[in-house]
Amino acid sequence: MNKKLLRKIAMLSGLAILLIMLILSVNGSFQGAEKARLFFNTLPLQAFWGFLTVALLASLVIFPRVRNQPGMLAVHLGCILVLLGSMWASETGHRINREHFGSDKIAKSYTYIYKEEIQNKLYDEEQKELATLPFDLYLNDFRVEYYWERGKLYVYSPKGESLGECSAVAGEAYDIGSFGQIEVKAVFKNYRRGQEGQESEGPEGVTNPALRVVWKDSTDSVEKEGLVFERFKDFQPFADKVQLVYVLMPKDYISDIKVVQNDKVVASKAVEVNYPLHYGGYYFFQHSYDSQSHAYTILSVTSDNGFGIVFTGYFLLCGGLLLHCWGVPAWKWYSQRQKHSSIAEGGQNGN
């Protein structure tokens, strides 16, 4: 087979691979994160990623121009590293690591930690125990931060029919026709009630959102006052008249985690969404929590196998694209300008 035909086949194969990747990406985007992860780790797609890696390596051999241009070489090497790192980080990569290299790491799992308690177990989505960490995680505190200005109070009839909504702001009133009127008297970020019945804001860093509301009947002859809690939906002060649901939009979830090993605190971090704790070969991400009483937090645990390879690949990929699409043309433009300037100066000196 001559080189010209081989290069033509390689080019067509490259276009076919790009088309397949486009179709796979569109399909994965409609499946959700977890389903997409499982989909891209199926055996046929693992074979496809392996074929793509081989194809990229082959392109370095078949096309000398790719090897001779630093930008294109970096792009190809970056893609290869991203693929290799992703395969090493996959479930199959971890299984190979366990069977042939003696590693006991789990690719993806979860851990559940109660406040002021220690946990070292990893579980799957069905809460089946998978492994034990060689260190302990201690939940010092957990809190939720809210967009207080976006709070809503939803109003329902005793039978559960929607009657409307109003902003959860002190002084806000909402007319619900024959069901009367609802008025928000006060907003509490951390509601506390003293021994003598006095209401106040509790200490900062703890949240127990509540509203003091007033219900009036349609004739204003009957008036009742009560509390509506964001976390305790079953507490209804006017259950026989109207049902009220206080809803706040969470802004952040924060788990104050300490890592304990050999009875010593070796690391600590306030784990937030997109700000994980990295320790012992794992990333611990904020995943969920006990929405009723904030008694525990749920962290998703991801092995760091392949992460360094993937990030190095992305660095080469982005750097190669910048060099090829901007750096090389800019250098050519600068060199050409310097050449023209030298010629112009030479002409003036000759005159």
Protein backbone atom coordinates (compact mmCIF):
# COMPACT_ATOMS: atom_id res chain seq x y z
CA MET A 1 0.00 0.00 0.00
CA ASN A 2 1.54 3.34 -1.07
CA LYS A 3 1.88 6.26 1.32
CA LYS A 4 -0.59 8.44 -0.59
CA LEU A 5 -3.40 5.88 -0.21
CA LEU A 6 -2.46 5.28 3.43
CA ARG A 7 -2.67 8.99 4.21
CA LYS A 8 -6.04 9.23 2.45
CA ILE A 9 -7.40 6.35 4.53
CA ALA A 10 -6.04 8.00 7.68
CA MET A 11 -7.73 11.31 6.81
CA LEU A 12 -11.08 9.63 6.13
CA SER A 13 -10.76 7.62 9.33
CA GLY A 14 -10.08 10.83 11.23
CA LEU A 15 -13.24 12.45 9.85
CA ALA A 16 -15.25 9.33 10.72
CA ILE A 17 -13.88 9.38 14.29
CA LEU A 18 -14.81 13.05 14.69
CA LEU A 19 -18.35 12.30 13.47
CA ILE A 20 -18.68 9.39 15.91
CA MET A 21 -17.42 11.56 18.78
CA LEU A 22 -19.93 14.28 17.88
CA ILE A 23 -22.80 11.76 17.92
CA LEU A 24 -21.61 10.26 21.23
CA SER A 25 -21.28 13.72 22.82
CA VAL A 26 -24.80 14.74 21.79
CA ASN A 27 -26.18 11.44 23.05
CA GLY A 28 -24.34 11.72 26.35
CA SER A 29 -25.52 15.28 26.96
CA PHE A 30 -29.15 14.10 27.15
CA GLN A 31 -28.49 11.24 29.58
CA GLY A 32 -27.37 13.07 32.70
CA ALA A 33 -23.97 12.89 34.38
CA GLU A 34 -24.22 9.42 35.96
CA LYS A 35 -25.81 7.68 32.97
CA ALA A 36 -23.33 9.37 30.64
CA ARG A 37 -20.45 8.15 32.81
CA LEU A 38 -21.71 4.56 32.61
CA PHE A 39 -22.39 4.91 28.88
CA PHE A 40 -18.89 6.16 28.05
CA ASN A 41 -17.38 3.33 30.10
CA THR A 42 -19.17 0.49 28.30
CA LEU A 43 -17.01 -2.15 26.61
CA PRO A 44 -17.69 -1.00 22.99
CA LEU A 45 -16.75 2.57 23.85
CA GLN A 46 -13.67 1.45 25.75
CA ALA A 47 -12.61 -0.31 22.54
CA PHE A 48 -13.34 2.90 20.61
CA TRP A 49 -11.17 4.98 22.97
CA GLY A 50 -8.37 2.45 22.54
CA PHE A 51 -8.72 2.61 18.74
CA LEU A 52 -8.70 6.41 18.87
CA THR A 53 -5.48 6.38 20.91
CA VAL A 54 -3.83 4.03 18.40
CA ALA A 55 -5.06 6.21 15.53
CA LEU A 56 -3.51 9.33 17.09
CA LEU A 57 -0.23 7.51 17.61
CA ALA A 58 -0.33 6.27 14.02
CA SER A 59 -0.88 9.82 12.75
CA LEU A 60 2.45 10.82 14.31
CA VAL A 61 4.13 8.12 12.23
CA ILE A 62 2.20 8.60 8.97
CA PHE A 63 2.25 12.41 8.83
CA PRO A 64 5.76 13.89 9.23
CA ARG A 65 4.26 17.38 9.13
CA VAL A 66 2.53 16.69 12.46
CA ARG A 67 5.83 15.72 14.06
CA ASN A 68 7.65 18.72 12.60
CA GLN A 69 5.18 21.34 13.84
CA PRO A 70 5.49 21.85 17.63
CA GLY A 71 1.89 23.07 17.99
CA MET A 72 0.32 20.12 16.16
CA LEU A 73 2.65 17.69 17.93
CA ALA A 74 1.56 19.08 21.32
CA VAL A 75 -2.13 18.82 20.32
CA HIS A 76 -1.77 15.16 19.33
CA LEU A 77 0.28 14.26 22.40
CA GLY A 78 -2.25 16.11 24.59
CA CYS A 79 -5.17 14.14 23.13
CA ILE A 80 -3.27 10.87 23.66
CA LEU A 81 -2.54 11.73 27.31
CA VAL A 82 -6.18 12.74 27.95
CA LEU A 83 -7.38 9.41 26.55
CA LEU A 84 -4.78 7.35 28.43
CA GLY A 85 -5.49 9.19 31.70
CA SER A 86 -9.25 8.80 31.29
CA MET A 87 -8.92 5.08 30.61
CA TRP A 88 -6.68 4.69 33.66
CA ALA A 89 -9.27 6.54 35.77
CA SER A 90 -12.18 4.38 34.52
CA GLU A 91 -13.75 1.39 36.29
CA THR A 92 -11.86 -0.95 33.95
CA GLY A 93 -8.59 0.86 34.66
CA HIS A 94 -9.14 0.46 38.40
CA ARG A 95 -9.99 -3.22 37.97
CA ILE A 96 -6.74 -3.78 36.06
CA ASN A 97 -4.93 -1.83 38.78
CA ARG A 98 -6.42 -4.08 41.48
CA GLU A 99 -5.79 -7.36 39.66
CA HIS A 100 -2.24 -6.68 38.44
CA PHE A 101 -0.79 -3.99 40.69
CA GLY A 102 -2.37 -4.76 44.07
CA SER A 103 -4.25 -1.47 44.46
CA ASP A 104 -7.46 -1.44 46.51
CA LYS A 105 -8.74 1.95 45.31
CA ILE A 106 -12.37 2.42 44.22
CA ALA A 107 -13.10 4.54 41.15
CA LYS A 108 -16.36 6.10 42.37
CA SER A 109 -18.14 5.83 45.71
CA TYR A 110 -19.87 7.77 48.49
CA THR A 111 -19.47 8.29 52.21
CA TYR A 112 -22.02 9.38 54.81
CA ILE A 113 -20.75 11.33 57.83
CA TYR A 114 -22.80 12.48 60.83
CA LYS A 115 -21.93 15.65 62.73
CA GLU A 116 -19.13 15.20 65.26
CA GLU A 117 -18.66 11.56 64.22
CA ILE A 118 -15.91 9.65 62.40
CA GLN A 119 -16.36 7.67 59.18
CA ASN A 120 -13.97 5.59 57.04
CA LYS A 121 -16.36 3.44 54.97
CA LEU A 122 -17.06 3.84 51.26
CA TYR A 123 -20.44 2.86 49.78
CA ASP A 124 -22.09 2.53 46.39
CA GLU A 125 -25.32 4.32 45.39
CA GLU A 126 -27.40 1.66 47.14
CA GLN A 127 -25.40 2.13 50.36
CA LYS A 128 -23.63 -1.21 50.00
CA GLU A 129 -20.21 -1.13 51.64
CA LEU A 130 -17.36 -1.22 49.11
CA ALA A 131 -14.13 -0.50 50.97
CA THR A 132 -12.49 1.00 54.04
CA LEU A 133 -10.25 4.07 53.89
CA PRO A 134 -6.81 3.91 55.57
CA PHE A 135 -7.74 7.11 57.44
CA ASP A 136 -10.80 8.61 59.15
CA LEU A 137 -13.02 11.53 58.17
CA TYR A 138 -14.49 13.66 60.95
CA LEU A 139 -17.41 16.03 60.30
CA ASN A 140 -16.78 19.00 62.54
CA ASP A 141 -19.77 20.97 61.21
CA PHE A 142 -22.18 21.22 58.31
CA ARG A 143 -24.13 24.27 57.16
CA VAL A 144 -26.18 25.52 54.24
CA GLU A 145 -26.00 29.08 52.96
CA TYR A 146 -29.11 30.48 51.26
CA TYR A 147 -30.20 33.24 48.92
CA TRP A 148 -32.34 34.87 51.59
CA GLU A 149 -33.73 37.54 49.29
CA ARG A 150 -35.19 34.86 46.98
CA GLY A 151 -37.25 33.06 49.62
CA LYS A 152 -40.82 32.13 48.70
CA LEU A 153 -43.90 31.27 50.74
CA TYR A 154 -46.23 28.90 48.87
CA VAL A 155 -49.88 28.72 49.92
CA TYR A 156 -52.13 25.66 49.55
CA SER A 157 -55.67 24.80 50.56
CA PRO A 158 -56.21 22.13 53.27
CA LYS A 159 -56.76 19.67 50.39
CA GLY A 160 -53.42 20.56 48.80
CA GLU A 161 -54.67 22.81 45.97
CA SER A 162 -52.26 25.60 45.04
CA LEU A 163 -53.50 29.08 46.03
CA GLY A 164 -50.42 31.06 44.96
CA GLU A 165 -47.19 32.39 46.43
CA CYS A 166 -45.59 35.48 47.88
CA SER A 167 -42.07 36.67 48.68
CA ALA A 168 -40.79 35.61 52.11
CA VAL A 169 -40.02 39.19 53.15
CA ALA A 170 -41.18 40.90 56.35
CA GLY A 171 -44.25 43.06 55.64
CA GLU A 172 -45.27 41.08 52.54
CA ALA A 173 -49.01 40.24 52.43
CA TYR A 174 -50.92 37.96 50.09
CA ASP A 175 -54.66 37.87 49.54
CA ILE A 176 -56.00 34.33 49.02
CA GLY A 177 -59.64 35.22 48.42
CA SER A 178 -62.15 33.16 50.40
CA PHE A 179 -59.27 31.52 52.25
CA GLY A 180 -58.30 34.85 53.82
CA GLN A 181 -54.97 36.66 53.83
CA ILE A 182 -51.39 35.75 54.76
CA GLU A 183 -48.88 38.32 56.03
CA VAL A 184 -45.19 37.77 56.81
CA LYS A 185 -44.40 39.50 60.11
CA ALA A 186 -40.75 38.48 60.64
CA VAL A 187 -37.97 36.44 59.00
CA PHE A 188 -35.50 34.40 61.05
CA LYS A 189 -32.26 32.95 59.66
CA ASN A 190 -31.65 30.89 62.78
CA TYR A 191 -34.83 30.79 64.86
CA ARG A 192 -34.41 30.33 68.59
CA ARG A 193 -36.98 30.37 71.38
CA GLY A 194 -35.88 31.15 74.92
CA GLN A 195 -37.10 29.49 78.10
CA GLU A 196 -39.51 32.35 78.70
CA GLY A 197 -40.86 32.18 75.15
CA GLN A 198 -38.90 35.08 73.67
CA GLU A 199 -37.94 34.70 69.98
CA SER A 200 -34.53 35.68 68.69
CA GLU A 201 -31.83 35.02 66.12
CA GLY A 202 -29.46 32.24 67.14
CA PRO A 203 -25.68 32.27 66.67
CA GLU A 204 -24.19 32.69 63.20
CA GLY A 205 -22.95 29.61 61.36
CA VAL A 206 -26.12 27.66 62.23
CA THR A 207 -29.34 27.88 60.25
CA ASN A 208 -32.93 27.21 61.22
CA PRO A 209 -34.91 29.39 58.76
CA ALA A 210 -38.40 30.34 59.87
CA LEU A 211 -41.16 32.87 59.22
CA ARG A 212 -43.58 34.36 61.70
CA VAL A 213 -46.82 34.73 59.75
CA VAL A 214 -50.33 35.99 60.42
CA TRP A 215 -53.45 34.46 58.89
CA LYS A 216 -56.68 36.47 58.68
CA ASP A 217 -60.01 35.17 57.48
CA SER A 218 -61.76 36.85 54.55
CA THR A 219 -63.79 39.12 56.88
CA ASP A 220 -60.79 40.14 59.06
CA SER A 221 -62.78 39.00 62.10
CA VAL A 222 -60.44 36.11 62.92
CA GLU A 223 -56.66 36.43 63.16
CA LYS A 224 -54.10 33.75 64.00
CA GLU A 225 -50.32 33.90 64.28
CA GLY A 226 -47.80 31.11 63.93
CA LEU A 227 -44.43 29.89 62.64
CA VAL A 228 -43.50 28.30 59.33
CA PHE A 229 -40.16 26.47 59.14
CA GLU A 230 -38.14 25.87 55.99
CA ARG A 231 -36.80 22.50 57.16
CA PHE A 232 -39.83 21.15 59.01
CA LYS A 233 -42.55 21.11 56.37
CA ASP A 234 -44.98 19.06 58.47
CA PHE A 235 -45.27 21.81 61.07
CA GLN A 236 -48.39 23.68 59.92
CA PRO A 237 -49.77 26.43 62.20
CA PHE A 238 -53.04 26.82 60.24
CA ALA A 239 -53.53 23.29 58.89
CA ASP A 240 -57.35 23.50 58.97
CA LYS A 241 -57.34 26.83 57.09
CA VAL A 242 -54.33 26.87 54.74
CA GLN A 243 -51.06 24.99 54.33
CA LEU A 244 -47.84 26.98 54.02
CA VAL A 245 -44.51 25.88 52.54
CA TYR A 246 -41.42 28.05 53.05
CA VAL A 247 -38.81 27.50 50.31
CA LEU A 248 -35.29 28.92 50.17
CA MET A 249 -32.81 28.52 47.32
CA PRO A 250 -29.52 27.08 48.63
CA LYS A 251 -26.43 29.04 47.64
CA ASP A 252 -23.80 26.68 49.02
CA TYR A 253 -23.37 23.50 51.06
CA ILE A 254 -20.34 23.43 53.35
CA SER A 255 -18.92 20.42 55.20
CA ASP A 256 -16.11 21.18 57.65
CA ILE A 257 -14.04 18.00 57.33
CA LYS A 258 -10.97 16.89 59.28
CA VAL A 259 -8.79 13.97 58.21
CA VAL A 260 -7.60 11.88 61.16
CA GLN A 261 -4.78 9.35 60.84
CA ASN A 262 -2.99 7.66 63.73
CA ASP A 263 -5.06 9.78 66.15
CA LYS A 264 -3.75 13.01 64.59
CA VAL A 265 -5.49 15.60 62.41
CA VAL A 266 -3.39 15.52 59.22
CA ALA A 267 -5.61 17.67 56.97
CA SER A 268 -8.76 19.77 57.10
CA LYS A 269 -10.93 21.63 54.61
CA ALA A 270 -14.32 23.29 54.27
CA VAL A 271 -15.65 21.11 51.45
CA GLU A 272 -17.98 22.98 49.10
CA VAL A 273 -19.48 22.30 45.69
CA ASN A 274 -16.56 22.38 43.20
CA TYR A 275 -14.06 22.79 46.07
CA PRO A 276 -13.18 19.22 47.10
CA LEU A 277 -10.82 17.83 49.69
CA HIS A 278 -7.90 15.90 48.17
CA TYR A 279 -6.20 13.38 50.40
CA GLY A 280 -4.95 9.81 50.30
CA GLY A 281 -5.47 9.35 46.57
CA TYR A 282 -9.10 10.52 46.59
CA TYR A 283 -11.11 13.67 45.91
CA PHE A 284 -14.02 14.23 48.30
CA PHE A 285 -16.78 16.34 46.74
CA GLN A 286 -19.86 17.79 48.40
CA HIS A 287 -22.72 15.68 47.00
CA SER A 288 -25.81 15.91 49.22
CA TYR A 289 -26.95 16.23 52.83
CA ASP A 290 -29.74 15.60 55.34
CA SER A 291 -32.23 18.22 54.20
CA GLN A 292 -34.52 17.66 57.19
CA SER A 293 -32.22 18.25 60.17
CA HIS A 294 -28.74 18.80 58.68
CA ALA A 295 -27.50 15.90 60.83
CA TYR A 296 -25.18 14.40 58.21
CA THR A 297 -23.44 15.13 54.93
CA ILE A 298 -22.93 12.96 51.85
CA LEU A 299 -19.63 13.21 50.00
CA SER A 300 -18.93 11.69 46.61
CA VAL A 301 -15.51 10.07 46.56
CA THR A 302 -13.50 9.91 43.32
CA SER A 303 -10.13 8.24 42.87
CA ASP A 304 -7.38 10.53 41.59
CA ASN A 305 -5.94 7.83 39.30
CA GLY A 306 -5.15 9.41 35.93
CA PHE A 307 -5.96 12.98 36.98
CA GLY A 308 -2.38 14.18 36.60
CA ILE A 309 -2.10 12.57 33.16
CA VAL A 310 -5.40 14.11 32.03
CA PHE A 311 -4.48 17.62 33.24
CA THR A 312 -1.07 17.37 31.58
CA GLY A 313 -2.83 16.34 28.38
CA TYR A 314 -5.21 19.30 28.52
CA PHE A 315 -2.26 21.64 29.15
CA LEU A 316 -0.48 20.30 26.03
CA LEU A 317 -3.72 20.40 24.02
CA CYS A 318 -4.54 24.01 24.88
CA GLY A 319 -0.91 25.13 24.61
CA GLY A 320 -0.54 23.41 21.23
CA LEU A 321 -3.70 25.04 19.88
CA LEU A 322 -2.52 28.47 21.04
CA LEU A 323 0.89 27.92 19.52
CA HIS A 324 -0.44 26.60 16.21
CA CYS A 325 -3.34 29.04 15.73
CA TRP A 326 -1.82 32.17 17.24
CA GLY A 327 1.83 31.81 18.18
CA VAL A 328 3.21 30.56 14.85
CA PRO A 329 1.18 33.02 12.68
CA ALA A 330 2.18 35.88 15.00
CA TRP A 331 5.85 34.92 14.75
CA LYS A 332 5.62 34.67 10.95
CA TRP A 333 3.98 38.09 10.80
CA TYR A 334 6.66 39.57 13.07
CA SER A 335 9.50 37.96 11.07
CA GLN A 336 8.02 39.18 7.79
CA ARG A 337 7.67 42.70 9.16
CA GLN A 338 11.28 42.67 10.38
CA LYS A 339 12.41 41.48 6.93
CA HIS A 340 10.52 44.26 5.15
CA SER A 341 11.95 46.81 7.60
CA SER A 342 15.48 45.56 6.94
CA ILE A 343 14.95 45.77 3.17
CA ALA A 344 13.52 49.29 3.49
CA GLU A 345 16.44 50.43 5.64
CA GLY A 346 18.90 48.89 3.18
CA GLY A 347 17.29 50.78 0.29
CA GLN A 348 17.49 54.10 2.15
CA ASN A 349 21.17 53.53 3.02
CA GLY A 350 21.90 52.70 -0.65
CA ASN A 351 20.40 55.99 -1.71
